[in-house]
Amino acid sequence: MPQTSSTLIIGIFSFLILAAIALLFLYLHLKSVRDEIKAYWKTILDKMRIRDDMVPNLIETVRKYTKDEEKILNELTALRAKSWPMEKADGQKVNAELSLTDDLRAVWKLPQKVPALNLDTNFLSLKKDFHDLGKEIDGMVDVYNKKIRSFNGQVGFALMGMNKFPIFEFEP
């Protein structure tokens, strides 16, 4: 009987040690994934800042050719100011960013009303730069959201004192 009791105690102690080691590895894994997500978010922010820094140049270029579209240009300016600083993807900032993207689409349609814009090399260069940067940001946001969904879905993040990350989009 005494040997069975000591074997049981050793078995329970071994199980507890293995469980503690497993929890430690889970915590370290989740922490590394969390840090990777934060670093990726900083990269997205850098790209979005580059885009936002290009907005004043775009506004000045368009203003040379039209005064009729002052509303769009003023909205761009206001949205640019409203969306920053964006340290995390909260709903209000995401809305401002999505509105900014919509207003930029309206600016790209202006050459239909003001054909002279199609001849301005600065406008055409900005249009290409915005388009390329927008595609890059969209791709990065897709990867970011996949990483977030994976992290948020992993068992144990709440147990480890880690919070879910918000998705940088509005899900249905």
Protein backbone atom coordinates (compact mmCIF):
# COMPACT_ATOMS: atom_id res chain seq x y z
CA MET A 1 0.00 0.00 0.00
CA PRO A 2 2.67 2.56 0.86
CA GLN A 3 4.36 2.01 -2.48
CA THR A 4 1.07 2.61 -4.34
CA SER A 5 0.59 5.83 -2.44
CA SER A 6 4.07 7.11 -3.29
CA THR A 7 3.61 6.08 -6.93
CA LEU A 8 0.34 8.00 -7.04
CA ILE A 9 1.99 11.08 -5.51
CA ILE A 10 4.88 10.87 -8.01
CA GLY A 11 2.36 10.46 -10.84
CA ILE A 12 0.34 13.50 -9.74
CA PHE A 13 3.51 15.55 -9.20
CA SER A 14 4.82 14.55 -12.65
CA PHE A 15 1.50 15.48 -14.24
CA LEU A 16 1.55 18.88 -12.54
CA ILE A 17 5.12 19.53 -13.70
CA LEU A 18 4.22 18.55 -17.28
CA ALA A 19 1.09 20.73 -17.15
CA ALA A 20 3.17 23.68 -15.89
CA ILE A 21 5.72 23.16 -18.67
CA ALA A 22 2.92 22.96 -21.25
CA LEU A 23 1.38 26.18 -19.92
CA LEU A 24 4.77 27.88 -20.03
CA PHE A 25 5.29 26.86 -23.67
CA LEU A 26 1.75 27.95 -24.53
CA TYR A 27 2.34 31.32 -22.89
CA LEU A 28 5.66 31.82 -24.70
CA HIS A 29 4.07 30.84 -28.02
CA LEU A 30 1.14 33.22 -27.56
CA LYS A 31 3.48 36.00 -26.46
CA SER A 32 5.65 35.58 -29.57
CA VAL A 33 2.57 35.58 -31.82
CA ARG A 34 1.24 38.67 -30.04
CA ASP A 35 4.58 40.46 -30.49
CA GLU A 36 4.64 39.48 -34.17
CA ILE A 37 1.13 40.91 -34.63
CA LYS A 38 2.13 44.16 -32.92
CA ALA A 39 5.22 44.48 -35.13
CA TYR A 40 3.13 43.80 -38.24
CA TRP A 41 0.63 46.47 -37.14
CA LYS A 42 3.48 48.98 -36.83
CA THR A 43 4.49 48.18 -40.41
CA ILE A 44 0.93 48.79 -41.61
CA LEU A 45 0.85 52.07 -39.70
CA ASP A 46 4.07 53.16 -41.39
CA LYS A 47 2.56 52.50 -44.82
CA MET A 48 -0.63 54.34 -43.87
CA ARG A 49 1.41 57.31 -42.62
CA ILE A 50 3.26 57.44 -45.91
CA ARG A 51 -0.08 57.54 -47.71
CA ASP A 52 -1.42 60.20 -45.40
CA ASP A 53 1.71 62.28 -45.89
CA MET A 54 1.00 62.26 -49.63
CA VAL A 55 -2.54 63.67 -49.18
CA PRO A 56 -1.53 67.38 -48.86
CA ASN A 57 0.47 67.16 -52.12
CA LEU A 58 -2.55 65.60 -53.83
CA ILE A 59 -4.87 68.31 -52.49
CA GLU A 60 -2.60 71.10 -53.73
CA THR A 61 -2.25 69.47 -57.15
CA VAL A 62 -6.03 69.12 -57.56
CA ARG A 63 -6.71 72.65 -56.26
CA LYS A 64 -4.71 74.08 -59.15
CA TYR A 65 -7.30 72.75 -61.57
CA THR A 66 -10.61 72.97 -59.80
CA LYS A 67 -12.41 74.96 -57.16
CA ASP A 68 -15.68 73.06 -57.65
CA GLU A 69 -14.44 70.04 -55.77
CA GLU A 70 -13.46 71.93 -52.63
CA LYS A 71 -15.87 69.78 -50.59
CA ILE A 72 -13.97 66.58 -51.40
CA LEU A 73 -10.63 68.22 -50.70
CA ASN A 74 -11.83 69.59 -47.36
CA GLU A 75 -13.18 66.16 -46.42
CA LEU A 76 -9.83 64.60 -47.28
CA THR A 77 -8.06 67.07 -45.04
CA ALA A 78 -10.50 66.51 -42.17
CA LEU A 79 -10.41 62.72 -42.50
CA ARG A 80 -6.64 62.69 -42.61
CA ALA A 81 -6.57 64.58 -39.33
CA LYS A 82 -9.32 62.44 -37.80
CA SER A 83 -7.75 59.06 -38.56
CA TRP A 84 -4.47 59.79 -36.76
CA PRO A 85 -2.88 58.87 -34.55
CA MET A 86 -4.03 55.29 -34.95
CA GLU A 87 -2.21 53.07 -32.51
CA LYS A 88 -4.82 50.33 -32.62
CA ALA A 89 -7.60 49.41 -34.99
CA ASP A 90 -10.57 50.86 -33.17
CA GLY A 91 -13.94 51.33 -34.87
CA GLN A 92 -13.85 55.12 -35.12
CA LYS A 93 -10.36 55.20 -36.62
CA VAL A 94 -11.22 52.40 -39.04
CA ASN A 95 -14.31 54.35 -40.15
CA ALA A 96 -12.18 57.45 -40.77
CA GLU A 97 -9.65 55.39 -42.71
CA LEU A 98 -12.37 53.79 -44.84
CA SER A 99 -13.94 57.22 -45.50
CA LEU A 100 -10.54 58.57 -46.50
CA THR A 101 -10.19 55.72 -48.98
CA ASP A 102 -13.64 56.49 -50.41
CA ASP A 103 -12.77 60.17 -50.81
CA LEU A 104 -9.53 59.25 -52.55
CA ARG A 105 -11.58 57.18 -55.01
CA ALA A 106 -13.66 60.30 -55.71
CA VAL A 107 -10.47 62.27 -56.39
CA TRP A 108 -9.30 59.67 -58.90
CA LYS A 109 -12.55 60.18 -60.81
CA LEU A 110 -12.03 63.96 -61.06
CA PRO A 111 -10.21 63.78 -64.43
CA GLN A 112 -13.57 62.87 -65.97
CA LYS A 113 -14.79 66.34 -64.94
CA VAL A 114 -11.44 68.11 -65.24
CA PRO A 115 -9.52 66.61 -68.20
CA ALA A 116 -6.48 68.82 -67.50
CA LEU A 117 -5.69 66.59 -64.52
CA ASN A 118 -4.92 63.76 -66.94
CA LEU A 119 -2.08 65.89 -68.31
CA ASP A 120 -0.57 66.81 -64.94
CA THR A 121 2.44 64.55 -64.36
CA ASN A 122 2.34 65.16 -60.60
CA PHE A 123 -1.31 64.04 -60.43
CA LEU A 124 -0.60 60.95 -62.54
CA SER A 125 2.44 60.09 -60.43
CA LEU A 126 0.48 60.55 -57.21
CA LYS A 127 -2.35 58.44 -58.57
CA LYS A 128 0.06 55.59 -59.33
CA ASP A 129 1.82 55.93 -55.96
CA PHE A 130 -1.51 55.94 -54.08
CA HIS A 131 -2.72 52.94 -56.08
CA ASP A 132 0.45 50.93 -55.45
CA LEU A 133 0.55 51.83 -51.78
CA GLY A 134 -3.16 51.06 -51.40
CA LYS A 135 -2.71 47.59 -52.85
CA GLU A 136 0.22 47.00 -50.55
CA ILE A 137 -1.75 48.16 -47.50
CA ASP A 138 -4.77 46.04 -48.47
CA GLY A 139 -2.57 42.95 -48.78
CA MET A 140 -0.90 43.65 -45.46
CA VAL A 141 -4.25 44.22 -43.73
CA ASP A 142 -5.51 40.88 -45.08
CA VAL A 143 -2.47 39.09 -43.64
CA TYR A 144 -2.84 41.04 -40.38
CA ASN A 145 -6.49 40.02 -40.05
CA LYS A 146 -5.62 36.35 -40.70
CA LYS A 147 -2.98 36.49 -37.98
CA ILE A 148 -5.48 38.12 -35.61
CA ARG A 149 -8.17 35.52 -36.30
CA SER A 150 -5.68 32.75 -35.67
CA PHE A 151 -4.45 34.33 -32.44
CA ASN A 152 -7.94 35.14 -31.17
CA GLY A 153 -9.07 31.60 -31.91
CA GLN A 154 -6.29 29.90 -30.00
CA VAL A 155 -7.25 28.28 -26.75
CA GLY A 156 -5.60 29.73 -23.71
CA PHE A 157 -5.08 33.40 -24.54
CA ALA A 158 -7.56 34.45 -21.86
CA LEU A 159 -6.00 32.01 -19.43
CA MET A 160 -2.65 33.67 -20.04
CA GLY A 161 -3.99 37.17 -19.36
CA MET A 162 -3.86 38.22 -23.01
CA ASN A 163 -6.61 40.18 -24.71
CA LYS A 164 -8.06 39.61 -28.15
CA PHE A 165 -6.93 41.91 -30.94
CA PRO A 166 -9.51 43.86 -32.94
CA ILE A 167 -9.90 43.06 -36.63
CA PHE A 168 -9.09 45.94 -38.99
CA GLU A 169 -12.33 45.65 -40.93
CA PHE A 170 -16.00 45.36 -40.30
CA GLU A 171 -17.03 41.76 -40.38
CA PRO A 172 -20.55 40.73 -41.39
